[in-house]
């Protein structure tokens, strides 16, 4: 079950929300890059959010295209990227963990 926006805002430490859908080819294309990069940052919590019409969490982050990654530290947005390349995923996580 996906968290609420209030729960996300209260999450401590570094968190990556990955908005997408299982059937989305763009989402499927980044999975191996996400796995590789996240293995280098074991302290980062990764939450995959199945997004779609009427899903309030995605709307609260203004998600329009998939995949969208939202990098948060202690509930605050550090950065947000849409349809990221492997390099962008790595840079986003590096920035998040500082």
C-alpha atoms as a PDB file:
ATOM      1  CA  UNK A   1       0.000   0.000   0.000  1.00  0.00           C
ATOM      2  CA  UNK A   2       1.324   3.402  -0.935  1.00  0.00           C
ATOM      3  CA  UNK A   3       2.021   5.953   1.781  1.00  0.00           C
ATOM      4  CA  UNK A   4      -0.002   9.143   2.160  1.00  0.00           C
ATOM      5  CA  UNK A   5       1.568  12.545   1.552  1.00  0.00           C
ATOM      6  CA  UNK A   6       1.508  13.152   5.304  1.00  0.00           C
ATOM      7  CA  UNK A   7       3.451   9.917   5.886  1.00  0.00           C
ATOM      8  CA  UNK A   8       5.975  10.855   3.188  1.00  0.00           C
ATOM      9  CA  UNK A   9       6.435  14.313   4.726  1.00  0.00           C
ATOM     10  CA  UNK A  10       7.308  12.652   8.067  1.00  0.00           C
ATOM     11  CA  UNK A  11       9.781  10.076   6.689  1.00  0.00           C
ATOM     12  CA  UNK A  12      13.231  10.525   8.220  1.00  0.00           C
ATOM     13  CA  UNK A  13      16.454  10.408   6.230  1.00  0.00           C
ATOM     14  CA  UNK A  14      16.942   9.980   2.488  1.00  0.00           C
ATOM     15  CA  UNK A  15      13.999   8.598   0.500  1.00  0.00           C
ATOM     16  CA  UNK A  16      13.417   8.096  -3.231  1.00  0.00           C
ATOM     17  CA  UNK A  17       9.835   7.883  -4.449  1.00  0.00           C
ATOM     18  CA  UNK A  18       9.585   6.249  -7.866  1.00  0.00           C
ATOM     19  CA  UNK A  19       6.274   7.020  -9.567  1.00  0.00           C
ATOM     20  CA  UNK A  20       5.285   4.808 -12.484  1.00  0.00           C
ATOM     21  CA  UNK A  21       3.325   1.770 -13.584  1.00  0.00           C
ATOM     22  CA  UNK A  22       4.330  -1.871 -14.081  1.00  0.00           C
ATOM     23  CA  UNK A  23       3.238  -1.830 -17.713  1.00  0.00           C
ATOM     24  CA  UNK A  24       5.104   1.422 -18.562  1.00  0.00           C
ATOM     25  CA  UNK A  25       8.057   0.725 -20.913  1.00  0.00           C
ATOM     26  CA  UNK A  26       9.932   3.835 -19.694  1.00  0.00           C
ATOM     27  CA  UNK A  27       9.581   2.592 -16.090  1.00  0.00           C
ATOM     28  CA  UNK A  28      10.746  -0.899 -17.034  1.00  0.00           C
ATOM     29  CA  UNK A  29      13.757   0.577 -18.855  1.00  0.00           C
ATOM     30  CA  UNK A  30      15.228   2.212 -15.712  1.00  0.00           C
ATOM     31  CA  UNK A  31      14.835  -0.747 -13.352  1.00  0.00           C
ATOM     32  CA  UNK A  32      18.330  -2.208 -13.780  1.00  0.00           C
ATOM     33  CA  UNK A  33      19.879   1.277 -13.393  1.00  0.00           C
ATOM     34  CA  UNK A  34      17.793   1.916 -10.264  1.00  0.00           C
ATOM     35  CA  UNK A  35      18.859  -1.408  -8.752  1.00  0.00           C
ATOM     36  CA  UNK A  36      22.537  -0.783  -9.504  1.00  0.00           C
ATOM     37  CA  UNK A  37      22.571   2.759  -8.126  1.00  0.00           C
ATOM     38  CA  UNK A  38      20.507   1.924  -5.043  1.00  0.00           C
ATOM     39  CA  UNK A  39      22.905  -0.918  -4.167  1.00  0.00           C
ATOM     40  CA  UNK A  40      25.618   1.761  -3.792  1.00  0.00           C
ATOM     41  CA  UNK A  41      23.406   3.703  -1.368  1.00  0.00           C
ATOM     42  CA  UNK A  42      21.994   1.154   1.125  1.00  0.00           C
ATOM     43  CA  UNK A  43      20.874   3.894   3.523  1.00  0.00           C
ATOM     44  CA  UNK A  44      18.366   5.287   1.022  1.00  0.00           C
ATOM     45  CA  UNK A  45      14.772   4.129   1.339  1.00  0.00           C
ATOM     46  CA  UNK A  46      13.245   3.370  -2.092  1.00  0.00           C
ATOM     47  CA  UNK A  47       9.471   3.349  -2.494  1.00  0.00           C
ATOM     48  CA  UNK A  48       7.862   2.379  -5.789  1.00  0.00           C
ATOM     49  CA  UNK A  49       4.479   4.037  -6.185  1.00  0.00           C
ATOM     50  CA  UNK A  50       2.019   2.597  -8.699  1.00  0.00           C
ATOM     51  CA  UNK A  51       0.669   5.846 -10.107  1.00  0.00           C
ATOM     52  CA  UNK A  52      -2.380   6.537 -12.224  1.00  0.00           C
ATOM     53  CA  UNK A  53      -5.565   8.499 -12.614  1.00  0.00           C
ATOM     54  CA  UNK A  54      -7.024   9.580  -9.298  1.00  0.00           C
ATOM     55  CA  UNK A  55      -3.877   8.756  -7.284  1.00  0.00           C
ATOM     56  CA  UNK A  56      -3.437  11.642  -4.875  1.00  0.00           C
ATOM     57  CA  UNK A  57       0.211  11.079  -3.909  1.00  0.00           C
ATOM     58  CA  UNK A  58       1.415  11.500  -7.484  1.00  0.00           C
ATOM     59  CA  UNK A  59      -0.770  14.565  -7.950  1.00  0.00           C
ATOM     60  CA  UNK A  60       0.665  16.126  -4.780  1.00  0.00           C
ATOM     61  CA  UNK A  61       4.118  15.985  -6.426  1.00  0.00           C
ATOM     62  CA  UNK A  62       2.716  17.157  -9.806  1.00  0.00           C
ATOM     63  CA  UNK A  63       3.677  13.891 -11.527  1.00  0.00           C
ATOM     64  CA  UNK A  64       2.705  14.031 -15.194  1.00  0.00           C
ATOM     65  CA  UNK A  65       5.082  11.554 -16.906  1.00  0.00           C
ATOM     66  CA  UNK A  66       6.554   8.241 -15.794  1.00  0.00           C
ATOM     67  CA  UNK A  67       8.885   7.420 -14.366  1.00  0.00           C
ATOM     68  CA  UNK A  68       9.254  10.395 -12.056  1.00  0.00           C
ATOM     69  CA  UNK A  69      11.760  10.160  -9.221  1.00  0.00           C
ATOM     70  CA  UNK A  70      11.343  12.397  -6.178  1.00  0.00           C
ATOM     71  CA  UNK A  71      14.389  12.613  -3.905  1.00  0.00           C
ATOM     72  CA  UNK A  72      13.522  13.602  -0.329  1.00  0.00           C
ATOM     73  CA  UNK A  73      15.542  14.187   2.812  1.00  0.00           C
ATOM     74  CA  UNK A  74      13.563  14.285   6.064  1.00  0.00           C
ATOM     75  CA  UNK A  75      10.339  14.841   4.110  1.00  0.00           C
ATOM     76  CA  UNK A  76      11.683  17.782   2.084  1.00  0.00           C
ATOM     77  CA  UNK A  77      12.080  17.564  -1.701  1.00  0.00           C
ATOM     78  CA  UNK A  78      15.761  17.789  -2.678  1.00  0.00           C
ATOM     79  CA  UNK A  79      15.181  17.196  -6.390  1.00  0.00           C
ATOM     80  CA  UNK A  80      12.738  15.665  -8.837  1.00  0.00           C
ATOM     81  CA  UNK A  81      13.537  14.171 -12.241  1.00  0.00           C
ATOM     82  CA  UNK A  82      11.348  12.838 -15.040  1.00  0.00           C
ATOM     83  CA  UNK A  83      12.327   9.938 -17.326  1.00  0.00           C
ATOM     84  CA  UNK A  84      15.876   9.950 -15.962  1.00  0.00           C
ATOM     85  CA  UNK A  85      18.991   8.540 -17.571  1.00  0.00           C
ATOM     86  CA  UNK A  86      21.314   6.296 -15.545  1.00  0.00           C
ATOM     87  CA  UNK A  87      23.610   9.303 -14.994  1.00  0.00           C
ATOM     88  CA  UNK A  88      20.732  11.434 -13.710  1.00  0.00           C
ATOM     89  CA  UNK A  89      19.681   8.680 -11.283  1.00  0.00           C
ATOM     90  CA  UNK A  90      23.251   8.464  -9.967  1.00  0.00           C
ATOM     91  CA  UNK A  91      23.579  12.250  -9.640  1.00  0.00           C
ATOM     92  CA  UNK A  92      20.216  12.518  -7.882  1.00  0.00           C
ATOM     93  CA  UNK A  93      21.189   9.889  -5.319  1.00  0.00           C
ATOM     94  CA  UNK A  94      24.663  11.377  -4.824  1.00  0.00           C
ATOM     95  CA  UNK A  95      23.103  14.789  -4.186  1.00  0.00           C
ATOM     96  CA  UNK A  96      20.574  13.237  -1.819  1.00  0.00           C
ATOM     97  CA  UNK A  97      23.139  11.500   0.379  1.00  0.00           C
ATOM     98  CA  UNK A  98      25.627  14.375   0.086  1.00  0.00           C
END
